[in-house]
All heavy atoms as atom14 arrays in JSON, in Angstrom:
{
  "sequence": "EDLLAEFDSPCVMDCKMGVRTYLEEELIKARKKPSLRKDMYQ",
  "atom14_mask": [
    [1, 1, 1, 1, 1, 1, 1, 1, 1, 0, 0, 0, 0, 0],
    [1, 1, 1, 1, 1, 1, 1, 1, 0, 0, 0, 0, 0, 0],
    [1, 1, 1, 1, 1, 1, 1, 1, 0, 0, 0, 0, 0, 0],
    [1, 1, 1, 1, 1, 1, 1, 1, 0, 0, 0, 0, 0, 0],
    [1, 1, 1, 1, 1, 0, 0, 0, 0, 0, 0, 0, 0, 0],
    [1, 1, 1, 1, 1, 1, 1, 1, 1, 0, 0, 0, 0, 0],
    [1, 1, 1, 1, 1, 1, 1, 1, 1, 1, 1, 0, 0, 0],
    [1, 1, 1, 1, 1, 1, 1, 1, 0, 0, 0, 0, 0, 0],
    [1, 1, 1, 1, 1, 1, 0, 0, 0, 0, 0, 0, 0, 0],
    [1, 1, 1, 1, 1, 1, 1, 0, 0, 0, 0, 0, 0, 0],
    [1, 1, 1, 1, 1, 1, 0, 0, 0, 0, 0, 0, 0, 0],
    [1, 1, 1, 1, 1, 1, 1, 0, 0, 0, 0, 0, 0, 0],
    [1, 1, 1, 1, 1, 1, 1, 1, 0, 0, 0, 0, 0, 0],
    [1, 1, 1, 1, 1, 1, 1, 1, 0, 0, 0, 0, 0, 0],
    [1, 1, 1, 1, 1, 1, 0, 0, 0, 0, 0, 0, 0, 0],
    [1, 1, 1, 1, 1, 1, 1, 1, 1, 0, 0, 0, 0, 0],
    [1, 1, 1, 1, 1, 1, 1, 1, 0, 0, 0, 0, 0, 0],
    [1, 1, 1, 1, 0, 0, 0, 0, 0, 0, 0, 0, 0, 0],
    [1, 1, 1, 1, 1, 1, 1, 0, 0, 0, 0, 0, 0, 0],
    [1, 1, 1, 1, 1, 1, 1, 1, 1, 1, 1, 0, 0, 0],
    [1, 1, 1, 1, 1, 1, 1, 0, 0, 0, 0, 0, 0, 0],
    [1, 1, 1, 1, 1, 1, 1, 1, 1, 1, 1, 1, 0, 0],
    [1, 1, 1, 1, 1, 1, 1, 1, 0, 0, 0, 0, 0, 0],
    [1, 1, 1, 1, 1, 1, 1, 1, 1, 0, 0, 0, 0, 0],
    [1, 1, 1, 1, 1, 1, 1, 1, 1, 0, 0, 0, 0, 0],
    [1, 1, 1, 1, 1, 1, 1, 1, 1, 0, 0, 0, 0, 0],
    [1, 1, 1, 1, 1, 1, 1, 1, 0, 0, 0, 0, 0, 0],
    [1, 1, 1, 1, 1, 1, 1, 1, 0, 0, 0, 0, 0, 0],
    [1, 1, 1, 1, 1, 1, 1, 1, 1, 0, 0, 0, 0, 0],
    [1, 1, 1, 1, 1, 0, 0, 0, 0, 0, 0, 0, 0, 0],
    [1, 1, 1, 1, 1, 1, 1, 1, 1, 1, 1, 0, 0, 0],
    [1, 1, 1, 1, 1, 1, 1, 1, 1, 0, 0, 0, 0, 0],
    [1, 1, 1, 1, 1, 1, 1, 1, 1, 0, 0, 0, 0, 0],
    [1, 1, 1, 1, 1, 1, 1, 0, 0, 0, 0, 0, 0, 0],
    [1, 1, 1, 1, 1, 1, 0, 0, 0, 0, 0, 0, 0, 0],
    [1, 1, 1, 1, 1, 1, 1, 1, 0, 0, 0, 0, 0, 0],
    [1, 1, 1, 1, 1, 1, 1, 1, 1, 1, 1, 0, 0, 0],
    [1, 1, 1, 1, 1, 1, 1, 1, 1, 0, 0, 0, 0, 0],
    [1, 1, 1, 1, 1, 1, 1, 1, 0, 0, 0, 0, 0, 0],
    [1, 1, 1, 1, 1, 1, 1, 1, 0, 0, 0, 0, 0, 0],
    [1, 1, 1, 1, 1, 1, 1, 1, 1, 1, 1, 1, 0, 0],
    [1, 1, 1, 1, 1, 1, 1, 1, 1, 0, 0, 0, 0, 0]
  ],
  "atom14_positions": [
    [[29.27, -29.56, -0.4], [28.05, -29.0, -0.96], [28.39, -27.87, -1.92], [29.24, -27.03, -1.65], [27.24, -28.47, 0.23], [26.02, -27.68, -0.11], [25.45, -26.97, 1.12], [26.08, -26.99, 2.21], [24.38, -26.38, 0.99], [0.0, 0.0, 0.0], [0.0, 0.0, 0.0], [0.0, 0.0, 0.0], [0.0, 0.0, 0.0], [0.0, 0.0, 0.0]],
    [[27.7, -27.86, -3.05], [27.84, -26.76, -4.0], [26.93, -25.62, -3.54], [25.71, -25.69, -3.66], [27.43, -27.24, -5.39], [27.35, -26.11, -6.4], [27.78, -24.99, -6.06], [26.86, -26.33, -7.52], [0.0, 0.0, 0.0], [0.0, 0.0, 0.0], [0.0, 0.0, 0.0], [0.0, 0.0, 0.0], [0.0, 0.0, 0.0], [0.0, 0.0, 0.0]],
    [[27.54, -24.58, -3.0], [26.76, -23.48, -2.39], [25.96, -22.68, -3.43], [25.03, -21.97, -3.08], [27.7, -22.54, -1.63], [28.47, -23.19, -0.47], [29.48, -22.21, 0.11], [27.53, -23.69, 0.62], [0.0, 0.0, 0.0], [0.0, 0.0, 0.0], [0.0, 0.0, 0.0], [0.0, 0.0, 0.0], [0.0, 0.0, 0.0], [0.0, 0.0, 0.0]],
    [[26.33, -22.82, -4.73], [25.64, -22.03, -5.75], [24.38, -22.72, -6.27], [23.6, -22.11, -6.98], [26.57, -21.77, -6.94], [27.79, -20.9, -6.69], [28.48, -20.59, -7.99], [27.4, -19.61, -6.01], [0.0, 0.0, 0.0], [0.0, 0.0, 0.0], [0.0, 0.0, 0.0], [0.0, 0.0, 0.0], [0.0, 0.0, 0.0], [0.0, 0.0, 0.0]],
    [[24.2, -24.0, -5.91], [23.14, -24.81, -6.52], [21.76, -24.17, -6.43], [20.97, -24.25, -7.38], [23.13, -26.2, -5.9], [0.0, 0.0, 0.0], [0.0, 0.0, 0.0], [0.0, 0.0, 0.0], [0.0, 0.0, 0.0], [0.0, 0.0, 0.0], [0.0, 0.0, 0.0], [0.0, 0.0, 0.0], [0.0, 0.0, 0.0], [0.0, 0.0, 0.0]],
    [[21.45, -23.52, -5.32], [20.08, -23.0, -5.15], [19.88, -21.59, -5.7], [18.81, -21.01, -5.58], [19.7, -23.04, -3.66], [20.6, -22.19, -2.78], [20.25, -22.28, -1.29], [19.3, -21.58, -0.88], [20.94, -23.01, -0.56], [0.0, 0.0, 0.0], [0.0, 0.0, 0.0], [0.0, 0.0, 0.0], [0.0, 0.0, 0.0], [0.0, 0.0, 0.0]],
    [[20.92, -21.02, -6.32], [20.81, -19.64, -6.81], [20.68, -19.58, -8.32], [21.18, -20.43, -9.04], [22.03, -18.83, -6.36], [22.11, -18.63, -4.88], [22.76, -19.54, -4.06], [21.52, -17.52, -4.29], [22.83, -19.36, -2.69], [21.57, -17.33, -2.91], [22.23, -18.25, -2.11], [0.0, 0.0, 0.0], [0.0, 0.0, 0.0], [0.0, 0.0, 0.0]],
    [[20.05, -18.5, -8.79], [19.83, -18.29, -10.2], [20.7, -17.12, -10.67], [20.5, -15.98, -10.24], [18.33, -17.96, -10.38], [17.96, -17.8, -11.85], [18.76, -18.22, -12.7], [16.88, -17.25, -12.12], [0.0, 0.0, 0.0], [0.0, 0.0, 0.0], [0.0, 0.0, 0.0], [0.0, 0.0, 0.0], [0.0, 0.0, 0.0], [0.0, 0.0, 0.0]],
    [[21.69, -17.38, -11.54], [22.66, -16.36, -11.98], [23.18, -15.52, -10.81], [22.94, -14.32, -10.73], [22.06, -15.4, -13.01], [21.52, -16.11, -14.07], [0.0, 0.0, 0.0], [0.0, 0.0, 0.0], [0.0, 0.0, 0.0], [0.0, 0.0, 0.0], [0.0, 0.0, 0.0], [0.0, 0.0, 0.0], [0.0, 0.0, 0.0], [0.0, 0.0, 0.0]],
    [[23.86, -16.16, -9.86], [24.23, -15.45, -8.64], [25.34, -14.41, -8.81], [26.17, -14.51, -9.7], [24.7, -16.57, -7.71], [25.16, -17.65, -8.62], [24.31, -17.56, -9.85], [0.0, 0.0, 0.0], [0.0, 0.0, 0.0], [0.0, 0.0, 0.0], [0.0, 0.0, 0.0], [0.0, 0.0, 0.0], [0.0, 0.0, 0.0], [0.0, 0.0, 0.0]],
    [[25.3, -13.42, -7.92], [26.41, -12.5, -7.71], [27.17, -13.05, -6.51], [26.54, -13.44, -5.52], [25.93, -11.11, -7.38], [24.95, -10.37, -8.68], [0.0, 0.0, 0.0], [0.0, 0.0, 0.0], [0.0, 0.0, 0.0], [0.0, 0.0, 0.0], [0.0, 0.0, 0.0], [0.0, 0.0, 0.0], [0.0, 0.0, 0.0], [0.0, 0.0, 0.0]],
    [[28.48, -13.07, -6.59], [29.28, -13.7, -5.54], [30.42, -12.78, -5.12], [31.06, -12.16, -5.97], [29.88, -15.05, -6.04], [30.61, -15.78, -4.92], [28.8, -15.94, -6.63], [0.0, 0.0, 0.0], [0.0, 0.0, 0.0], [0.0, 0.0, 0.0], [0.0, 0.0, 0.0], [0.0, 0.0, 0.0], [0.0, 0.0, 0.0], [0.0, 0.0, 0.0]],
    [[30.65, -12.7, -3.8], [31.8, -11.95, -3.3], [32.57, -12.8, -2.3], [31.98, -13.51, -1.49], [31.35, -10.67, -2.6], [32.53, -9.85, -2.07], [32.02, -8.56, -0.9], [31.66, -7.2, -1.99], [0.0, 0.0, 0.0], [0.0, 0.0, 0.0], [0.0, 0.0, 0.0], [0.0, 0.0, 0.0], [0.0, 0.0, 0.0], [0.0, 0.0, 0.0]],
    [[33.89, -12.74, -2.41], [34.76, -13.47, -1.48], [35.47, -12.43, -0.61], [36.16, -11.55, -1.11], [35.78, -14.27, -2.31], [36.73, -15.11, -1.46], [37.35, -14.55, -0.53], [36.88, -16.31, -1.75], [0.0, 0.0, 0.0], [0.0, 0.0, 0.0], [0.0, 0.0, 0.0], [0.0, 0.0, 0.0], [0.0, 0.0, 0.0], [0.0, 0.0, 0.0]],
    [[35.24, -12.5, 0.71], [35.92, -11.61, 1.67], [36.86, -12.43, 2.52], [36.4, -13.33, 3.25], [34.91, -10.94, 2.59], [34.23, -9.45, 1.92], [0.0, 0.0, 0.0], [0.0, 0.0, 0.0], [0.0, 0.0, 0.0], [0.0, 0.0, 0.0], [0.0, 0.0, 0.0], [0.0, 0.0, 0.0], [0.0, 0.0, 0.0], [0.0, 0.0, 0.0]],
    [[38.14, -12.13, 2.47], [39.1, -12.86, 3.29], [39.15, -12.22, 4.67], [39.37, -11.02, 4.8], [40.47, -12.84, 2.61], [41.42, -13.87, 3.21], [42.62, -14.1, 2.31], [42.32, -15.11, 1.23], [43.49, -15.84, 0.78], [0.0, 0.0, 0.0], [0.0, 0.0, 0.0], [0.0, 0.0, 0.0], [0.0, 0.0, 0.0], [0.0, 0.0, 0.0]],
    [[38.95, -13.04, 5.7], [38.79, -12.52, 7.06], [40.11, -12.53, 7.84], [40.97, -13.38, 7.62], [37.77, -13.37, 7.81], [36.39, -13.38, 7.16], [35.68, -11.72, 6.97], [35.41, -11.27, 8.69], [0.0, 0.0, 0.0], [0.0, 0.0, 0.0], [0.0, 0.0, 0.0], [0.0, 0.0, 0.0], [0.0, 0.0, 0.0], [0.0, 0.0, 0.0]],
    [[40.2, -11.58, 8.79], [41.34, -11.55, 9.7], [42.33, -10.43, 9.4], [42.26, -9.79, 8.35], [0.0, 0.0, 0.0], [0.0, 0.0, 0.0], [0.0, 0.0, 0.0], [0.0, 0.0, 0.0], [0.0, 0.0, 0.0], [0.0, 0.0, 0.0], [0.0, 0.0, 0.0], [0.0, 0.0, 0.0], [0.0, 0.0, 0.0], [0.0, 0.0, 0.0]],
    [[43.24, -10.19, 10.36], [44.2, -9.09, 10.23], [45.49, -9.52, 9.53], [46.36, -8.71, 9.29], [44.58, -8.5, 11.61], [43.42, -7.71, 12.18], [45.04, -9.57, 12.58], [0.0, 0.0, 0.0], [0.0, 0.0, 0.0], [0.0, 0.0, 0.0], [0.0, 0.0, 0.0], [0.0, 0.0, 0.0], [0.0, 0.0, 0.0], [0.0, 0.0, 0.0]],
    [[45.6, -10.8, 9.23], [46.76, -11.28, 8.45], [46.35, -12.52, 7.69], [45.4, -13.22, 8.09], [47.96, -11.57, 9.35], [47.69, -12.59, 10.41], [48.79, -12.69, 11.48], [48.27, -13.37, 12.66], [48.38, -14.67, 12.87], [49.03, -15.43, 12.01], [47.85, -15.23, 13.95], [0.0, 0.0, 0.0], [0.0, 0.0, 0.0], [0.0, 0.0, 0.0]],
    [[47.03, -12.8, 6.6], [46.65, -13.95, 5.78], [47.75, -15.02, 5.77], [47.74, -15.92, 4.96], [46.33, -13.52, 4.34], [47.47, -12.86, 3.8], [45.14, -12.57, 4.29], [0.0, 0.0, 0.0], [0.0, 0.0, 0.0], [0.0, 0.0, 0.0], [0.0, 0.0, 0.0], [0.0, 0.0, 0.0], [0.0, 0.0, 0.0], [0.0, 0.0, 0.0]],
    [[48.72, -14.86, 6.68], [49.77, -15.88, 6.8], [49.79, -16.38, 8.23], [49.43, -15.65, 9.16], [51.14, -15.3, 6.42], [51.48, -14.02, 7.13], [52.01, -14.03, 8.42], [51.25, -12.78, 6.53], [52.29, -12.85, 9.09], [51.52, -11.6, 7.19], [52.04, -11.64, 8.47], [52.32, -10.48, 9.13], [0.0, 0.0, 0.0], [0.0, 0.0, 0.0]],
    [[50.22, -17.61, 8.4], [50.36, -18.19, 9.74], [51.64, -17.69, 10.38], [52.61, -17.38, 9.67], [50.42, -19.72, 9.65], [49.14, -20.42, 9.2], [49.45, -21.83, 8.72], [48.14, -20.47, 10.35], [0.0, 0.0, 0.0], [0.0, 0.0, 0.0], [0.0, 0.0, 0.0], [0.0, 0.0, 0.0], [0.0, 0.0, 0.0], [0.0, 0.0, 0.0]],
    [[51.67, -17.64, 11.69], [52.9, -17.24, 12.39], [54.07, -18.14, 11.98], [55.18, -17.68, 11.79], [52.7, -17.3, 13.9], [51.88, -16.16, 14.43], [51.99, -15.98, 15.94], [52.68, -16.79, 16.58], [51.39, -15.03, 16.47], [0.0, 0.0, 0.0], [0.0, 0.0, 0.0], [0.0, 0.0, 0.0], [0.0, 0.0, 0.0], [0.0, 0.0, 0.0]],
    [[53.76, -19.44, 11.81], [54.85, -20.37, 11.47], [55.42, -20.08, 10.07], [56.6, -20.3, 9.82], [54.39, -21.82, 11.58], [53.29, -22.21, 10.64], [52.66, -23.57, 10.98], [52.2, -23.75, 12.12], [52.66, -24.42, 10.09], [0.0, 0.0, 0.0], [0.0, 0.0, 0.0], [0.0, 0.0, 0.0], [0.0, 0.0, 0.0], [0.0, 0.0, 0.0]],
    [[54.58, -19.53, 9.17], [55.07, -19.17, 7.83], [56.06, -18.01, 7.93], [57.05, -17.96, 7.2], [53.91, -18.76, 6.92], [53.02, -19.91, 6.49], [51.88, -19.42, 5.6], [50.85, -18.96, 6.14], [52.03, -19.48, 4.37], [0.0, 0.0, 0.0], [0.0, 0.0, 0.0], [0.0, 0.0, 0.0], [0.0, 0.0, 0.0], [0.0, 0.0, 0.0]],
    [[55.75, -17.08, 8.83], [56.63, -15.92, 9.03], [57.97, -16.37, 9.61], [59.04, -15.95, 9.15], [55.93, -14.93, 9.97], [56.5, -13.52, 10.08], [56.54, -12.83, 8.73], [55.69, -12.69, 11.06], [0.0, 0.0, 0.0], [0.0, 0.0, 0.0], [0.0, 0.0, 0.0], [0.0, 0.0, 0.0], [0.0, 0.0, 0.0], [0.0, 0.0, 0.0]],
    [[57.91, -17.24, 10.61], [59.12, -17.76, 11.26], [59.98, -18.51, 10.22], [61.19, -18.33, 10.15], [58.75, -18.68, 12.45], [58.1, -17.83, 13.57], [59.96, -19.42, 12.99], [57.27, -18.63, 14.58], [0.0, 0.0, 0.0], [0.0, 0.0, 0.0], [0.0, 0.0, 0.0], [0.0, 0.0, 0.0], [0.0, 0.0, 0.0], [0.0, 0.0, 0.0]],
    [[59.31, -19.34, 9.43], [60.01, -20.13, 8.4], [60.67, -19.21, 7.37], [61.82, -19.4, 6.99], [58.98, -21.04, 7.71], [59.61, -22.24, 7.02], [58.51, -23.25, 6.71], [58.66, -23.75, 5.28], [57.48, -24.48, 4.85], [0.0, 0.0, 0.0], [0.0, 0.0, 0.0], [0.0, 0.0, 0.0], [0.0, 0.0, 0.0], [0.0, 0.0, 0.0]],
    [[59.93, -18.19, 6.95], [60.46, -17.26, 5.94], [61.65, -16.48, 6.5], [62.58, -16.13, 5.77], [59.36, -16.3, 5.49], [0.0, 0.0, 0.0], [0.0, 0.0, 0.0], [0.0, 0.0, 0.0], [0.0, 0.0, 0.0], [0.0, 0.0, 0.0], [0.0, 0.0, 0.0], [0.0, 0.0, 0.0], [0.0, 0.0, 0.0], [0.0, 0.0, 0.0]],
    [[61.64, -16.24, 7.82], [62.74, -15.51, 8.45], [64.0, -16.34, 8.57], [65.1, -15.82, 8.55], [62.33, -15.08, 9.86], [61.66, -13.74, 9.86], [61.85, -13.07, 11.2], [60.79, -12.09, 11.36], [59.76, -12.24, 12.16], [59.65, -13.31, 12.9], [58.84, -11.31, 12.23], [0.0, 0.0, 0.0], [0.0, 0.0, 0.0], [0.0, 0.0, 0.0]],
    [[63.81, -17.64, 8.74], [64.97, -18.53, 8.92], [65.86, -18.49, 7.7], [67.07, -18.55, 7.8], [64.5, -19.96, 9.19], [64.28, -20.19, 10.69], [63.92, -21.63, 10.98], [63.54, -21.81, 12.43], [62.5, -22.84, 12.6], [0.0, 0.0, 0.0], [0.0, 0.0, 0.0], [0.0, 0.0, 0.0], [0.0, 0.0, 0.0], [0.0, 0.0, 0.0]],
    [[65.23, -18.44, 6.53], [66.0, -18.37, 5.29], [65.51, -17.16, 4.51], [64.79, -17.31, 3.52], [65.8, -19.65, 4.47], [66.58, -20.84, 5.0], [66.49, -22.02, 4.05], [65.17, -22.74, 4.21], [65.06, -24.02, 3.56], [0.0, 0.0, 0.0], [0.0, 0.0, 0.0], [0.0, 0.0, 0.0], [0.0, 0.0, 0.0], [0.0, 0.0, 0.0]],
    [[65.86, -15.96, 4.97], [65.28, -14.78, 4.32], [65.96, -14.46, 2.98], [66.7, -13.5, 2.86], [65.51, -13.67, 5.35], [66.73, -14.11, 6.1], [66.81, -15.6, 6.01], [0.0, 0.0, 0.0], [0.0, 0.0, 0.0], [0.0, 0.0, 0.0], [0.0, 0.0, 0.0], [0.0, 0.0, 0.0], [0.0, 0.0, 0.0], [0.0, 0.0, 0.0]],
    [[65.72, -15.33, 2.0], [66.35, -15.1, 0.7], [65.72, -13.86, 0.05], [64.56, -13.54, 0.28], [66.15, -16.31, -0.2], [64.77, -16.61, -0.27], [0.0, 0.0, 0.0], [0.0, 0.0, 0.0], [0.0, 0.0, 0.0], [0.0, 0.0, 0.0], [0.0, 0.0, 0.0], [0.0, 0.0, 0.0], [0.0, 0.0, 0.0], [0.0, 0.0, 0.0]],
    [[66.51, -13.17, -0.75], [66.02, -11.96, -1.41], [65.19, -12.35, -2.62], [65.61, -13.16, -3.45], [67.21, -11.08, -1.84], [67.93, -10.41, -0.66], [69.27, -9.84, -1.1], [67.06, -9.3, -0.07], [0.0, 0.0, 0.0], [0.0, 0.0, 0.0], [0.0, 0.0, 0.0], [0.0, 0.0, 0.0], [0.0, 0.0, 0.0], [0.0, 0.0, 0.0]],
    [[64.02, -11.75, -2.72], [63.09, -12.11, -3.8], [62.88, -10.94, -4.76], [62.25, -9.95, -4.41], [61.75, -12.54, -3.18], [61.83, -13.76, -2.28], [61.87, -15.05, -3.08], [60.66, -15.21, -3.87], [59.6, -15.95, -3.5], [59.63, -16.59, -2.34], [58.54, -16.04, -4.26], [0.0, 0.0, 0.0], [0.0, 0.0, 0.0], [0.0, 0.0, 0.0]],
    [[63.41, -11.09, -5.96], [63.24, -10.04, -6.97], [61.78, -9.99, -7.46], [61.25, -8.92, -7.76], [64.18, -10.28, -8.16], [65.64, -10.02, -7.78], [66.55, -9.98, -8.99], [68.02, -9.8, -8.63], [68.31, -8.57, -7.87], [0.0, 0.0, 0.0], [0.0, 0.0, 0.0], [0.0, 0.0, 0.0], [0.0, 0.0, 0.0], [0.0, 0.0, 0.0]],
    [[61.13, -11.16, -7.53], [59.73, -11.2, -8.0], [58.81, -10.45, -7.04], [57.89, -9.75, -7.47], [59.25, -12.66, -8.17], [59.36, -13.49, -6.89], [60.24, -13.2, -6.06], [58.57, -14.44, -6.72], [0.0, 0.0, 0.0], [0.0, 0.0, 0.0], [0.0, 0.0, 0.0], [0.0, 0.0, 0.0], [0.0, 0.0, 0.0], [0.0, 0.0, 0.0]],
    [[59.08, -10.57, -5.74], [58.23, -9.88, -4.76], [58.48, -8.37, -4.77], [57.57, -7.58, -4.55], [58.43, -10.48, -3.36], [57.8, -11.86, -3.25], [58.06, -12.64, -1.66], [57.12, -14.17, -1.92], [0.0, 0.0, 0.0], [0.0, 0.0, 0.0], [0.0, 0.0, 0.0], [0.0, 0.0, 0.0], [0.0, 0.0, 0.0], [0.0, 0.0, 0.0]],
    [[59.73, -8.0, -5.05], [60.05, -6.58, -5.2], [59.26, -5.99, -6.38], [58.67, -4.91, -6.28], [61.56, -6.41, -5.44], [61.98, -5.0, -5.78], [62.19, -4.05, -4.77], [62.15, -4.59, -7.11], [62.58, -2.74, -5.08], [62.53, -3.29, -7.42], [62.75, -2.37, -6.41], [63.11, -1.09, -6.71], [0.0, 0.0, 0.0], [0.0, 0.0, 0.0]],
    [[59.22, -6.74, -7.48], [58.47, -6.31, -8.67], [56.99, -6.11, -8.34], [56.39, -5.1, -8.7], [58.6, -7.34, -9.81], [59.91, -7.28, -10.58], [60.23, -5.89, -11.12], [59.35, -5.15, -11.56], [61.49, -5.49, -11.06], [0.0, 0.0, 0.0], [0.0, 0.0, 0.0], [0.0, 0.0, 0.0], [0.0, 0.0, 0.0], [0.0, 0.0, 0.0]]
  ]
}
């Protein structure tokens, strides 16, 4: 469903919920091969 269909020139806000935005398995995976990232340092 297009949630904007019933609105006229809507104002929209996106709020990301929760205390973290990564899965535990992503953290474990990233730790297994903790390559150094220059882009993330930047």
